[in-house]
Amino acid sequence: MNDYSKQKSVSSRRSFMVGVGGVLAASAAPTKTTFGGGLDRESQLVPTSSLTRRYTEHHIPRDGVSLHVEDHGSGKPVLLLHGWPDSSYLWRNQIPFLVANGFRAIAPDQRGFGRSDRPEGAAAYSLQNAVADLGGILDALGIDAADIVAHDWGASVAWRTATAHPNRVRRLVVLSVPHPLAPYTLRQREMAWYQLFFQFEGIAEAWLQHDNWALFREMLRSNGDIDRYISDLSRPDALKASLNWYRANLAPRLPESPPKLPPVEAPTLGIWSSNDHYLDGERMKMSGQFVKARWRYEQINDASHWIPLDAPDRLNQLLIEWLG
């Protein structure tokens, strides 16, 4: 990263901390308000100014699960969806940038992660439930349609939402994970060994935590927010809940016909990074054939699977170009 990029990244983080810090200082005793639409919200609002911007935390009930949602700024809504083993904190370099450019950045902790509830049973983590969560968040916030920016499992949720509820997605940005119908490559099958390992309930949890999370650290190859992940996943049932995403949606099954999905109607930007050790970029390239609207593929070199952390300035530039 050059000196200019470093300066931009530091400035973004600084503006984010100033905004959040101003919010916390202005709301020493946050009020809790119940809204008629099923929205249970802790309101932390400050007047918009050059130094402080609107920030709200929502606790949205959806099918017995409370979803924690960060809501920053005002303007055109954009939903930011994380994957495994992240939380809304993944987007800390994108949120202040989007808010400064006139967007309302909405970042939920998906079920099982972060500050959201961790329901029991693998079935609770099906993509069908995650898509319904997304619709519930939009409904609770009174938003008909939004742009969606999504990574990893969040991208899987975004693809499914775009096909099942096209009227709710304006523009789509998917990071790392291709369209669900993109043909599998031999390289992808080799890279996805961990998905089979995660199916062994109890065994996977034990091995990932063994010897101070040695296997987990090895799998992540020093990428991502490893210490934060370990802290989050060390909470009761948190690791099991996170692995249930794989058990609910990627369990081994007999050969069958692929699902019939309508083409994506939202303009879609697919982004893949050359140092991704878990997903084959060829499948992202092929995803364009399943998009009816405008399609664009971008490759970011020398970034790991965690594009929002490794290449924040390049990603932010692409977001503004695509969503602006």
Protein backbone atom coordinates (compact mmCIF):
# COMPACT_ATOMS: atom_id res chain seq x y z
CA MET A 1 0.00 0.00 0.00
CA ASN A 2 1.45 3.39 -0.95
CA ASP A 3 1.66 6.36 1.41
CA TYR A 4 -1.40 8.00 -0.14
CA SER A 5 -3.48 4.85 0.33
CA LYS A 6 -2.30 4.54 3.91
CA GLN A 7 -3.28 8.13 4.57
CA LYS A 8 -6.74 7.58 3.07
CA SER A 9 -7.29 4.41 5.09
CA VAL A 10 -6.22 6.06 8.33
CA SER A 11 -8.46 9.04 7.59
CA SER A 12 -11.42 6.76 6.95
CA ARG A 13 -10.89 4.92 10.21
CA ARG A 14 -10.44 8.21 12.06
CA SER A 15 -13.67 9.69 10.68
CA PHE A 16 -15.51 6.50 11.61
CA MET A 17 -14.24 6.63 15.19
CA VAL A 18 -15.07 10.33 15.47
CA GLY A 19 -18.63 9.62 14.33
CA VAL A 20 -19.18 6.69 16.65
CA GLY A 21 -17.39 8.42 19.51
CA GLY A 22 -19.64 11.45 19.09
CA VAL A 23 -22.67 9.21 19.18
CA LEU A 24 -21.64 7.46 22.36
CA ALA A 25 -20.78 10.72 24.06
CA ALA A 26 -24.14 12.20 23.09
CA SER A 27 -26.10 9.21 24.33
CA ALA A 28 -24.87 8.27 27.76
CA ALA A 29 -28.27 6.68 28.46
CA PRO A 30 -29.63 5.25 25.17
CA THR A 31 -33.41 5.03 25.05
CA LYS A 32 -35.16 1.84 24.05
CA THR A 33 -38.25 2.29 21.93
CA THR A 34 -40.68 -0.27 20.56
CA PHE A 35 -42.14 0.43 17.12
CA GLY A 36 -45.37 -0.93 15.72
CA GLY A 37 -43.67 -2.74 12.86
CA GLY A 38 -41.96 -5.20 15.18
CA LEU A 39 -38.80 -3.12 15.47
CA ASP A 40 -37.19 -3.01 18.89
CA ARG A 41 -34.59 -0.27 18.73
CA GLU A 42 -31.98 1.21 20.98
CA SER A 43 -31.84 4.75 19.65
CA GLN A 44 -28.49 6.51 19.62
CA LEU A 45 -29.00 9.58 17.47
CA VAL A 46 -26.99 12.75 17.07
CA PRO A 47 -27.60 15.67 14.71
CA THR A 48 -25.84 15.39 11.38
CA SER A 49 -22.80 17.65 11.15
CA SER A 50 -19.38 17.65 9.58
CA LEU A 51 -18.03 15.71 12.57
CA THR A 52 -20.89 13.52 13.74
CA ARG A 53 -23.33 11.51 11.67
CA ARG A 54 -26.52 9.65 12.46
CA TYR A 55 -25.93 6.28 14.11
CA THR A 56 -28.57 3.88 15.40
CA GLU A 57 -28.49 0.34 16.74
CA HIS A 58 -31.51 -1.85 16.08
CA HIS A 59 -32.52 -5.14 17.64
CA ILE A 60 -34.94 -6.59 15.12
CA PRO A 61 -37.00 -9.67 16.02
CA ARG A 62 -37.42 -12.15 13.18
CA ASP A 63 -39.01 -15.57 13.71
CA GLY A 64 -37.93 -15.65 17.34
CA VAL A 65 -34.39 -14.49 16.60
CA SER A 66 -33.13 -11.04 17.58
CA LEU A 67 -30.90 -9.54 14.90
CA HIS A 68 -28.45 -6.79 15.82
CA VAL A 69 -28.21 -4.15 13.09
CA GLU A 70 -25.96 -1.10 12.86
CA ASP A 71 -27.50 1.82 10.96
CA HIS A 72 -25.17 4.64 9.89
CA GLY A 73 -25.90 7.89 8.08
CA SER A 74 -28.78 8.80 5.80
CA GLY A 75 -29.47 8.74 2.09
CA LYS A 76 -29.71 5.82 -0.30
CA PRO A 77 -29.73 2.59 1.73
CA VAL A 78 -27.02 -0.01 1.21
CA LEU A 79 -27.00 -3.30 3.12
CA LEU A 80 -23.62 -4.76 4.08
CA LEU A 81 -23.69 -8.54 4.66
CA HIS A 82 -20.74 -10.38 6.20
CA GLY A 83 -19.86 -14.07 6.14
CA TRP A 84 -17.89 -16.61 8.21
CA PRO A 85 -16.50 -16.01 10.78
CA ASP A 86 -17.10 -12.27 10.71
CA SER A 87 -19.66 -9.77 11.98
CA SER A 88 -20.68 -6.29 10.93
CA TYR A 89 -17.21 -5.19 12.11
CA LEU A 90 -15.88 -6.50 8.78
CA TRP A 91 -17.19 -3.33 7.11
CA ARG A 92 -15.41 -0.80 9.34
CA ASN A 93 -13.42 0.57 6.36
CA GLN A 94 -16.47 0.84 4.11
CA ILE A 95 -19.11 2.30 6.46
CA PRO A 96 -17.52 5.75 7.03
CA PHE A 97 -16.66 6.02 3.34
CA LEU A 98 -20.19 5.21 2.22
CA VAL A 99 -21.75 7.55 4.79
CA ALA A 100 -19.44 10.37 3.71
CA ASN A 101 -20.62 9.83 0.14
CA GLY A 102 -24.30 10.12 0.95
CA PHE A 103 -25.31 6.52 1.67
CA ARG A 104 -27.18 5.02 4.60
CA ALA A 105 -24.98 2.04 5.56
CA ILE A 106 -26.92 -0.77 7.26
CA ALA A 107 -24.77 -3.61 8.62
CA PRO A 108 -26.44 -6.52 10.42
CA ASP A 109 -24.79 -9.27 12.40
CA GLN A 110 -26.24 -12.29 10.66
CA ARG A 111 -27.91 -14.92 12.85
CA GLY A 112 -25.36 -16.89 14.83
CA PHE A 113 -22.70 -14.16 14.58
CA GLY A 114 -21.69 -11.05 16.50
CA ARG A 115 -24.41 -9.61 18.74
CA SER A 116 -27.31 -11.42 17.05
CA ASP A 117 -28.98 -14.47 18.59
CA ARG A 118 -27.64 -17.99 18.10
CA PRO A 119 -30.67 -20.25 17.61
CA GLU A 120 -30.33 -23.98 18.21
CA GLY A 121 -30.23 -26.56 15.45
CA ALA A 122 -28.58 -26.52 12.03
CA ALA A 123 -31.91 -26.02 10.22
CA ALA A 124 -32.19 -22.53 11.72
CA TYR A 125 -29.25 -21.44 9.56
CA SER A 126 -30.66 -22.32 6.15
CA LEU A 127 -30.27 -19.75 3.41
CA GLN A 128 -34.05 -19.57 3.27
CA ASN A 129 -34.07 -18.25 6.85
CA ALA A 130 -31.19 -15.87 6.16
CA VAL A 131 -33.00 -14.44 3.12
CA ALA A 132 -36.12 -13.98 5.26
CA ASP A 133 -33.98 -12.20 7.86
CA LEU A 134 -32.87 -9.75 5.20
CA GLY A 135 -36.45 -9.06 4.18
CA GLY A 136 -37.41 -8.64 7.82
CA ILE A 137 -34.66 -6.06 8.33
CA LEU A 138 -35.81 -4.05 5.31
CA ASP A 139 -39.44 -4.24 6.46
CA ALA A 140 -38.59 -3.16 10.01
CA LEU A 141 -36.62 -0.17 8.73
CA GLY A 142 -39.33 0.80 6.25
CA ILE A 143 -37.11 0.24 3.20
CA ASP A 144 -38.67 -1.10 0.00
CA ALA A 145 -35.42 -1.78 -1.86
CA ALA A 146 -31.69 -1.30 -1.21
CA ASP A 147 -28.30 -1.81 -2.74
CA ILE A 148 -26.56 -4.87 -1.31
CA VAL A 149 -22.83 -5.36 -0.78
CA ALA A 150 -22.00 -8.84 0.48
CA HIS A 151 -19.06 -11.11 1.24
CA ASP A 152 -18.72 -14.88 1.78
CA TRP A 153 -21.97 -16.31 3.23
CA GLY A 154 -23.41 -12.83 2.96
CA ALA A 155 -22.88 -13.08 -0.80
CA SER A 156 -24.79 -16.37 -0.87
CA VAL A 157 -27.67 -14.64 0.92
CA ALA A 158 -27.48 -11.71 -1.50
CA TRP A 159 -27.57 -13.93 -4.62
CA ARG A 160 -30.61 -15.80 -3.28
CA THR A 161 -32.36 -12.57 -2.32
CA ALA A 162 -31.77 -11.11 -5.77
CA THR A 163 -33.37 -14.16 -7.42
CA ALA A 164 -36.25 -14.65 -4.95
CA HIS A 165 -37.09 -10.98 -4.30
CA PRO A 166 -35.81 -8.94 -7.28
CA ASN A 167 -37.97 -5.95 -6.33
CA ARG A 168 -35.95 -5.49 -3.13
CA VAL A 169 -32.47 -5.28 -4.70
CA ARG A 170 -31.44 -2.19 -6.66
CA ARG A 171 -27.78 -2.96 -7.31
CA LEU A 172 -25.70 -5.88 -6.16
CA VAL A 173 -22.03 -6.23 -5.25
CA VAL A 174 -20.90 -9.77 -4.42
CA LEU A 175 -17.44 -10.49 -3.03
CA SER A 176 -15.71 -13.87 -3.38
CA VAL A 177 -18.77 -16.16 -3.67
CA PRO A 178 -20.16 -16.83 -7.18
CA HIS A 179 -23.72 -17.34 -8.32
CA PRO A 180 -25.12 -20.62 -6.90
CA LEU A 181 -25.54 -22.09 -10.39
CA ALA A 182 -21.99 -21.33 -11.54
CA PRO A 183 -20.49 -24.72 -12.56
CA TYR A 184 -18.07 -26.26 -10.08
CA THR A 185 -14.46 -26.59 -11.15
CA LEU A 186 -12.05 -29.30 -9.98
CA ARG A 187 -9.99 -26.57 -8.32
CA GLN A 188 -13.04 -25.40 -6.36
CA ARG A 189 -13.75 -28.93 -5.14
CA GLU A 190 -10.16 -29.20 -3.93
CA MET A 191 -10.26 -25.81 -2.24
CA ALA A 192 -13.51 -26.61 -0.42
CA TRP A 193 -12.15 -29.50 1.68
CA TYR A 194 -12.91 -27.57 4.89
CA GLN A 195 -16.63 -27.55 4.07
CA LEU A 196 -16.71 -31.32 4.46
CA PHE A 197 -14.65 -31.15 7.65
CA PHE A 198 -17.16 -28.68 9.12
CA GLN A 199 -19.97 -31.23 8.75
CA PHE A 200 -18.62 -33.33 11.65
CA GLU A 201 -20.47 -31.79 14.57
CA GLY A 202 -18.45 -31.80 17.77
CA ILE A 203 -15.32 -33.04 16.02
CA ALA A 204 -14.85 -29.89 13.95
CA GLU A 205 -15.46 -27.70 17.00
CA ALA A 206 -12.94 -29.65 19.07
CA TRP A 207 -10.21 -29.57 16.44
CA LEU A 208 -10.64 -25.90 15.61
CA GLN A 209 -10.24 -24.95 19.29
CA HIS A 210 -7.51 -27.46 20.12
CA ASP A 211 -4.10 -26.16 21.19
CA ASN A 212 -5.15 -22.50 21.37
CA TRP A 213 -7.07 -22.63 18.09
CA ALA A 214 -4.01 -23.85 16.16
CA LEU A 215 -5.93 -25.39 13.23
CA PHE A 216 -8.22 -22.38 12.98
CA ARG A 217 -5.21 -20.06 12.83
CA GLU A 218 -3.57 -22.29 10.22
CA MET A 219 -6.69 -22.30 8.05
CA LEU A 220 -6.92 -18.52 8.07
CA ARG A 221 -3.23 -18.12 7.11
CA SER A 222 -2.83 -14.96 9.25
CA ASN A 223 -5.66 -13.25 7.33
CA GLY A 224 -8.77 -11.58 8.69
CA ASP A 225 -9.39 -10.50 12.29
CA ILE A 226 -8.14 -13.72 13.86
CA ASP A 227 -7.97 -12.63 17.50
CA ARG A 228 -11.41 -11.04 17.28
CA TYR A 229 -12.83 -14.18 15.64
CA ILE A 230 -11.43 -16.35 18.41
CA SER A 231 -12.87 -14.05 21.06
CA ASP A 232 -16.30 -14.09 19.40
CA LEU A 233 -16.33 -17.84 18.69
CA SER A 234 -15.24 -18.66 22.26
CA ARG A 235 -18.64 -17.56 23.58
CA PRO A 236 -21.12 -20.32 24.47
CA ASP A 237 -22.37 -22.13 21.34
CA ALA A 238 -20.95 -19.43 19.03
CA LEU A 239 -18.57 -21.72 17.13
CA LYS A 240 -21.27 -24.35 16.68
CA ALA A 241 -23.74 -21.71 15.46
CA SER A 242 -21.27 -20.42 12.89
CA LEU A 243 -20.53 -23.92 11.56
CA ASN A 244 -24.24 -24.62 11.31
CA TRP A 245 -24.31 -22.36 8.26
CA TYR A 246 -22.25 -25.04 6.49
CA ARG A 247 -24.27 -27.92 7.95
CA ALA A 248 -27.59 -26.41 6.93
CA ASN A 249 -26.59 -25.52 3.37
CA LEU A 250 -23.60 -27.63 2.27
CA ALA A 251 -24.25 -31.05 3.81
CA PRO A 252 -23.28 -33.94 1.49
CA ARG A 253 -26.22 -35.18 -0.56
CA LEU A 254 -26.92 -37.44 -3.52
CA PRO A 255 -26.63 -35.99 -7.04
CA GLU A 256 -29.67 -33.99 -8.02
CA SER A 257 -30.76 -31.45 -10.59
CA PRO A 258 -29.68 -27.88 -9.82
CA PRO A 259 -32.38 -25.56 -8.52
CA LYS A 260 -34.27 -23.53 -11.08
CA LEU A 261 -33.49 -19.93 -10.33
CA PRO A 262 -34.59 -16.93 -12.39
CA PRO A 263 -31.82 -14.68 -13.71
CA VAL A 264 -30.65 -11.82 -11.51
CA GLU A 265 -32.35 -8.61 -12.62
CA ALA A 266 -30.19 -6.21 -10.58
CA PRO A 267 -26.99 -4.78 -12.09
CA THR A 268 -24.28 -6.91 -10.50
CA LEU A 269 -20.59 -6.43 -9.77
CA GLY A 270 -18.67 -9.59 -8.93
CA ILE A 271 -15.30 -9.22 -7.19
CA TRP A 272 -12.71 -11.91 -6.53
CA SER A 273 -9.20 -11.67 -5.05
CA SER A 274 -6.17 -13.52 -6.36
CA ASN A 275 -5.00 -14.73 -2.92
CA ASP A 276 -8.32 -16.35 -2.03
CA HIS A 277 -7.52 -19.88 -0.84
CA TYR A 278 -11.14 -21.00 -0.52
CA LEU A 279 -12.97 -19.96 -3.69
CA ASP A 280 -12.06 -20.29 -7.38
CA GLY A 281 -12.31 -17.05 -9.32
CA GLU A 282 -13.30 -18.88 -12.50
CA ARG A 283 -16.72 -19.49 -10.99
CA MET A 284 -17.16 -15.80 -10.26
CA LYS A 285 -16.27 -15.03 -13.88
CA MET A 286 -18.93 -17.48 -15.05
CA SER A 287 -21.57 -15.89 -12.84
CA GLY A 288 -22.31 -13.24 -15.44
CA GLN A 289 -24.31 -15.72 -17.52
CA PHE A 290 -26.90 -15.82 -14.73
CA VAL A 291 -27.33 -12.03 -14.59
CA LYS A 292 -29.92 -10.52 -16.91
CA ALA A 293 -28.91 -6.93 -16.15
CA ARG A 294 -25.51 -5.31 -16.51
CA TRP A 295 -22.64 -7.50 -15.27
CA ARG A 296 -19.07 -6.58 -14.37
CA TYR A 297 -16.23 -8.72 -13.05
CA GLU A 298 -13.28 -7.27 -11.15
CA GLN A 299 -10.22 -9.04 -9.81
CA ILE A 300 -8.19 -7.54 -6.97
CA ASN A 301 -4.65 -8.85 -6.96
CA ASP A 302 -2.59 -9.56 -3.85
CA ALA A 303 -5.60 -9.53 -1.50
CA SER A 304 -6.71 -12.49 0.57
CA HIS A 305 -10.28 -13.76 0.86
CA TRP A 306 -10.95 -10.78 3.17
CA ILE A 307 -11.14 -8.09 0.50
CA PRO A 308 -12.78 -5.43 2.74
CA LEU A 309 -9.77 -5.61 5.07
CA ASP A 310 -6.91 -6.15 2.62
CA ALA A 311 -7.95 -3.75 -0.15
CA PRO A 312 -10.30 -1.19 1.44
CA ASP A 313 -9.40 1.72 -0.81
CA ARG A 314 -9.77 -0.27 -4.04
CA LEU A 315 -13.04 -1.77 -2.84
CA ASN A 316 -14.40 1.62 -1.82
CA GLN A 317 -13.53 3.00 -5.24
CA LEU A 318 -15.41 0.14 -6.92
CA LEU A 319 -18.42 0.63 -4.64
CA ILE A 320 -18.74 4.29 -5.54
CA GLU A 321 -18.33 3.54 -9.24
CA TRP A 322 -21.03 0.86 -9.12
CA LEU A 323 -23.48 2.27 -6.59
CA GLY A 324 -22.94 5.99 -7.05
